[in-house]
């Protein structure tokens, strides 16, 4: 609350939010808004009108140090998400990436795109590809794969393993059939298996190179108006808010 008041009224005293565990290292605490919009969030901190003289210099230094500490903090979701966006130019990495509730700036392309580069065999294991929006998620992933196609290699084969819809599989089969028909002209062989064997773990397996564990599967988005052509969320996945989830990247 004090931090938010400082954003709108510079007469309030500036405060630092941090804690120090037993090892003695200070850990900065920052809000979701601070993670998403660090330049705007700290604009008042860097304003010369906020404080004067030595106090201003001290505050600017403090803020810059805090931002640097936040950027380097292990497990920082903002740093991890930004790193995902630049992995086309850097080596693909193993490890855990966590995303906070209501976070923005996430898309299937940033999560999986670099790992799908030139993929020939993709296996999606997700028991919850049943309803329209869940099948739409698979179609969105196919769009990422199409952008990453290597036409010098064999045509990609994508196989989905999911569970049956409790109200019957007729619509489920129809949605998946529409995905198959849509990607077929791009020479992608999309197949699926509806299994009642009780699958639970969600995976995205790419060739014999990567096994990506998805704790929520592909269903990471909070509800948005996908039918509204004028909604930014329907056009730009990065504008959607996500549910809290984690992704683990493992080399096979």
Protein backbone atom coordinates (compact mmCIF):
# COMPACT_ATOMS: atom_id res chain seq x y z
CA UNK A 1 0.00 0.00 0.00
CA UNK A 2 2.79 2.46 0.87
CA UNK A 3 4.52 1.75 -2.41
CA UNK A 4 1.34 2.43 -4.37
CA UNK A 5 0.72 5.68 -2.48
CA UNK A 6 4.23 6.81 -3.34
CA UNK A 7 3.40 6.31 -7.02
CA UNK A 8 0.58 8.86 -6.91
CA UNK A 9 1.78 11.28 -4.24
CA UNK A 10 5.45 12.19 -3.91
CA UNK A 11 4.87 13.69 -0.47
CA UNK A 12 4.82 10.18 0.97
CA UNK A 13 8.16 8.84 2.12
CA UNK A 14 9.87 6.40 -0.21
CA UNK A 15 10.21 2.90 1.23
CA UNK A 16 12.26 -0.15 0.33
CA UNK A 17 10.62 -3.57 0.30
CA UNK A 18 13.04 -6.40 0.98
CA UNK A 19 13.71 -9.19 3.40
CA UNK A 20 16.87 -10.95 4.51
CA UNK A 21 16.88 -14.71 5.20
CA UNK A 22 19.35 -16.45 7.45
CA UNK A 23 22.11 -16.46 4.83
CA UNK A 24 22.23 -12.67 5.10
CA UNK A 25 21.52 -11.81 1.45
CA UNK A 26 18.83 -9.20 0.86
CA UNK A 27 15.97 -10.26 -1.44
CA UNK A 28 13.95 -7.53 -3.15
CA UNK A 29 10.15 -7.86 -3.17
CA UNK A 30 8.38 -6.47 -6.21
CA UNK A 31 4.81 -6.42 -7.51
CA UNK A 32 3.39 -7.87 -10.69
CA UNK A 33 3.04 -4.35 -12.13
CA UNK A 34 6.70 -3.71 -11.35
CA UNK A 35 7.66 -6.89 -13.20
CA UNK A 36 5.60 -6.04 -16.28
CA UNK A 37 6.32 -2.31 -16.59
CA UNK A 38 9.58 -1.56 -14.74
CA UNK A 39 10.31 1.65 -16.70
CA UNK A 40 6.90 3.17 -15.99
CA UNK A 41 6.69 1.82 -12.46
CA UNK A 42 9.93 3.50 -11.40
CA UNK A 43 9.45 6.69 -13.37
CA UNK A 44 8.66 8.66 -10.21
CA UNK A 45 11.70 7.21 -8.46
CA UNK A 46 13.94 8.68 -11.16
CA UNK A 47 12.17 12.02 -11.34
CA UNK A 48 14.35 14.95 -10.15
CA UNK A 49 11.27 16.62 -8.69
CA UNK A 50 10.69 13.77 -6.28
CA UNK A 51 13.71 14.57 -4.08
CA UNK A 52 16.59 17.00 -4.05
CA UNK A 53 20.36 16.94 -4.16
CA UNK A 54 22.25 14.13 -2.50
CA UNK A 55 19.00 12.47 -1.52
CA UNK A 56 18.02 12.31 -5.20
CA UNK A 57 21.32 10.76 -6.20
CA UNK A 58 21.07 8.27 -3.37
CA UNK A 59 17.52 7.34 -4.36
CA UNK A 60 18.37 6.93 -8.04
CA UNK A 61 21.31 4.70 -7.13
CA UNK A 62 19.12 2.71 -4.77
CA UNK A 63 16.47 2.19 -7.44
CA UNK A 64 19.02 1.20 -10.07
CA UNK A 65 20.59 -1.27 -7.67
CA UNK A 66 17.18 -2.64 -6.82
CA UNK A 67 16.29 -3.10 -10.49
CA UNK A 68 19.62 -4.81 -11.15
CA UNK A 69 19.08 -7.09 -8.18
CA UNK A 70 15.58 -7.94 -9.39
CA UNK A 71 16.87 -8.69 -12.87
CA UNK A 72 19.54 -11.04 -11.53
CA UNK A 73 17.41 -12.63 -8.83
CA UNK A 74 17.28 -16.41 -9.20
CA UNK A 75 13.85 -17.58 -10.23
CA UNK A 76 12.73 -14.12 -11.33
CA UNK A 77 9.74 -14.71 -13.55
CA UNK A 78 10.28 -11.51 -15.50
CA UNK A 79 13.86 -12.38 -16.35
CA UNK A 80 12.93 -15.90 -17.31
CA UNK A 81 10.07 -14.74 -19.52
CA UNK A 82 12.26 -12.16 -21.26
CA UNK A 83 14.97 -14.78 -21.80
CA UNK A 84 12.45 -17.01 -23.53
CA UNK A 85 11.81 -14.29 -26.11
CA UNK A 86 15.49 -14.14 -27.13
CA UNK A 87 16.34 -17.82 -27.18
CA UNK A 88 16.39 -17.89 -30.97
CA UNK A 89 19.75 -16.16 -30.75
CA UNK A 90 21.04 -18.07 -27.74
CA UNK A 91 21.50 -21.72 -26.85
CA UNK A 92 18.37 -23.51 -25.72
CA UNK A 93 18.40 -24.13 -21.99
CA UNK A 94 17.12 -26.73 -19.60
CA UNK A 95 15.40 -25.77 -16.39
CA UNK A 96 12.26 -24.53 -14.67
CA UNK A 97 10.41 -21.36 -15.65
CA UNK A 98 7.58 -20.10 -13.42
CA UNK A 99 4.85 -17.62 -14.31
CA UNK A 100 2.71 -15.66 -11.88
CA UNK A 101 -1.06 -15.36 -11.78
CA UNK A 102 -2.26 -12.50 -14.04
CA UNK A 103 1.14 -12.15 -15.73
CA UNK A 104 1.24 -10.93 -19.33
CA UNK A 105 3.85 -11.12 -22.07
CA UNK A 106 3.57 -14.89 -22.59
CA UNK A 107 2.82 -16.75 -25.82
CA UNK A 108 3.33 -20.22 -27.22
CA UNK A 109 5.95 -18.75 -29.51
CA UNK A 110 8.07 -17.45 -26.63
CA UNK A 111 7.53 -20.65 -24.64
CA UNK A 112 8.03 -23.25 -27.37
CA UNK A 113 9.02 -21.55 -30.62
CA UNK A 114 12.82 -21.91 -30.37
CA UNK A 115 12.44 -25.55 -29.33
CA UNK A 116 10.16 -26.27 -32.31
CA UNK A 117 12.63 -24.86 -34.82
CA UNK A 118 12.86 -27.41 -37.65
CA UNK A 119 10.99 -30.08 -35.65
CA UNK A 120 10.00 -33.25 -37.49
CA UNK A 121 8.14 -35.17 -34.77
CA UNK A 122 6.03 -33.54 -32.07
CA UNK A 123 3.99 -35.38 -29.46
CA UNK A 124 1.46 -33.50 -27.33
CA UNK A 125 0.22 -35.30 -24.23
CA UNK A 126 -2.57 -33.39 -22.53
CA UNK A 127 -5.70 -35.01 -21.09
CA UNK A 128 -7.63 -31.74 -21.38
CA UNK A 129 -7.92 -31.12 -25.11
CA UNK A 130 -11.65 -31.61 -25.21
CA UNK A 131 -13.59 -28.35 -25.51
CA UNK A 132 -13.50 -25.69 -28.19
CA UNK A 133 -11.04 -23.37 -26.44
CA UNK A 134 -8.72 -26.24 -25.57
CA UNK A 135 -8.65 -27.43 -29.19
CA UNK A 136 -8.12 -23.81 -30.26
CA UNK A 137 -4.99 -23.83 -28.10
CA UNK A 138 -3.65 -26.77 -30.11
CA UNK A 139 -4.39 -24.89 -33.33
CA UNK A 140 -2.48 -21.90 -31.96
CA UNK A 141 0.48 -24.17 -31.26
CA UNK A 142 0.28 -25.42 -34.84
CA UNK A 143 0.67 -21.82 -35.96
CA UNK A 144 3.94 -21.61 -34.05
CA UNK A 145 5.15 -24.85 -35.65
CA UNK A 146 4.28 -23.54 -39.12
CA UNK A 147 6.38 -20.43 -38.53
CA UNK A 148 9.30 -22.67 -37.55
CA UNK A 149 9.09 -25.16 -40.43
CA UNK A 150 12.31 -26.22 -42.12
CA UNK A 151 11.30 -27.10 -45.67
CA UNK A 152 14.61 -28.89 -46.29
CA UNK A 153 13.54 -31.59 -43.82
CA UNK A 154 10.81 -34.20 -43.87
CA UNK A 155 7.24 -33.10 -43.29
CA UNK A 156 6.47 -32.72 -39.56
CA UNK A 157 4.32 -35.29 -37.83
CA UNK A 158 2.28 -34.12 -34.85
CA UNK A 159 0.50 -36.62 -32.63
CA UNK A 160 -1.87 -35.65 -29.82
CA UNK A 161 -2.78 -37.97 -26.96
CA UNK A 162 -5.71 -36.75 -24.87
CA UNK A 163 -8.64 -38.02 -22.83
CA UNK A 164 -12.28 -38.30 -23.93
CA UNK A 165 -14.76 -35.57 -23.15
CA UNK A 166 -17.16 -36.67 -20.44
CA UNK A 167 -20.15 -35.58 -22.57
CA UNK A 168 -19.08 -37.59 -25.61
CA UNK A 169 -16.34 -37.30 -28.20
CA UNK A 170 -18.35 -36.23 -31.26
CA UNK A 171 -17.55 -32.50 -30.99
CA UNK A 172 -14.05 -33.26 -29.75
CA UNK A 173 -13.36 -35.40 -32.83
CA UNK A 174 -14.85 -32.69 -35.04
CA UNK A 175 -12.59 -29.97 -33.62
CA UNK A 176 -9.50 -32.15 -34.00
CA UNK A 177 -10.54 -33.03 -37.54
CA UNK A 178 -10.72 -29.33 -38.37
CA UNK A 179 -7.17 -28.88 -37.06
CA UNK A 180 -6.00 -31.76 -39.28
CA UNK A 181 -7.69 -30.26 -42.34
CA UNK A 182 -6.29 -26.79 -41.62
CA UNK A 183 -2.63 -27.84 -41.36
CA UNK A 184 -2.69 -30.47 -44.10
CA UNK A 185 -2.01 -27.93 -46.90
CA UNK A 186 1.15 -26.97 -44.99
CA UNK A 187 2.26 -30.62 -45.27
CA UNK A 188 1.86 -31.26 -41.54
CA UNK A 189 0.55 -34.70 -40.62
CA UNK A 190 -1.67 -34.16 -37.56
CA UNK A 191 -3.07 -37.25 -35.84
CA UNK A 192 -4.64 -37.89 -32.47
CA UNK A 193 -5.52 -40.59 -29.99
CA UNK A 194 -8.33 -40.29 -27.46
CA UNK A 195 -7.35 -42.56 -24.61
CA UNK A 196 -9.28 -43.48 -21.47
CA UNK A 197 -6.20 -44.97 -19.79
CA UNK A 198 -6.10 -42.21 -17.17
CA UNK A 199 -3.25 -40.05 -18.45
CA UNK A 200 -2.39 -37.16 -16.18
CA UNK A 201 1.07 -35.67 -16.86
CA UNK A 202 1.27 -33.08 -19.62
CA UNK A 203 4.20 -33.16 -22.04
CA UNK A 204 5.38 -31.58 -25.26
CA UNK A 205 7.96 -33.95 -26.77
CA UNK A 206 9.99 -32.68 -29.69
CA UNK A 207 11.92 -35.18 -31.83
CA UNK A 208 14.37 -37.05 -29.62
CA UNK A 209 15.73 -33.78 -28.29
CA UNK A 210 13.37 -32.18 -25.79
CA UNK A 211 10.72 -33.21 -23.29
CA UNK A 212 8.87 -30.14 -22.03
CA UNK A 213 6.73 -30.73 -18.93
CA UNK A 214 3.63 -28.54 -18.70
CA UNK A 215 1.94 -28.53 -15.32
CA UNK A 216 -1.22 -26.97 -16.80
CA UNK A 217 -0.85 -28.36 -20.28
CA UNK A 218 -1.66 -25.85 -23.01
CA UNK A 219 -4.57 -24.38 -21.05
CA UNK A 220 -2.59 -21.49 -19.51
CA UNK A 221 -4.78 -18.52 -20.42
CA UNK A 222 -7.35 -16.88 -18.24
CA UNK A 223 -10.74 -16.40 -19.87
CA UNK A 224 -10.80 -13.75 -22.61
CA UNK A 225 -13.18 -12.74 -25.38
CA UNK A 226 -11.76 -14.80 -28.23
CA UNK A 227 -14.80 -14.07 -30.39
CA UNK A 228 -14.20 -10.31 -30.35
CA UNK A 229 -12.08 -9.36 -33.37
CA UNK A 230 -11.36 -5.99 -31.76
CA UNK A 231 -10.03 -7.41 -28.49
CA UNK A 232 -6.24 -7.23 -28.25
CA UNK A 233 -6.21 -10.53 -26.37
CA UNK A 234 -7.67 -12.34 -29.36
CA UNK A 235 -5.01 -10.94 -31.70
CA UNK A 236 -1.95 -10.79 -29.45
CA UNK A 237 -1.39 -13.70 -27.04
CA UNK A 238 1.11 -11.55 -25.14
CA UNK A 239 -1.76 -9.31 -24.01
CA UNK A 240 -3.61 -12.17 -22.32
CA UNK A 241 -3.33 -12.79 -18.61
CA UNK A 242 -2.18 -16.24 -17.61
CA UNK A 243 -2.97 -18.59 -14.79
CA UNK A 244 -0.10 -19.45 -12.50
CA UNK A 245 1.91 -22.24 -14.13
CA UNK A 246 5.35 -23.75 -14.56
CA UNK A 247 7.27 -25.22 -17.48
CA UNK A 248 10.23 -27.58 -17.16
CA UNK A 249 12.58 -27.99 -20.15
CA UNK A 250 14.53 -31.26 -20.23
CA UNK A 251 16.92 -32.59 -22.84
CA UNK A 252 16.23 -36.18 -23.81
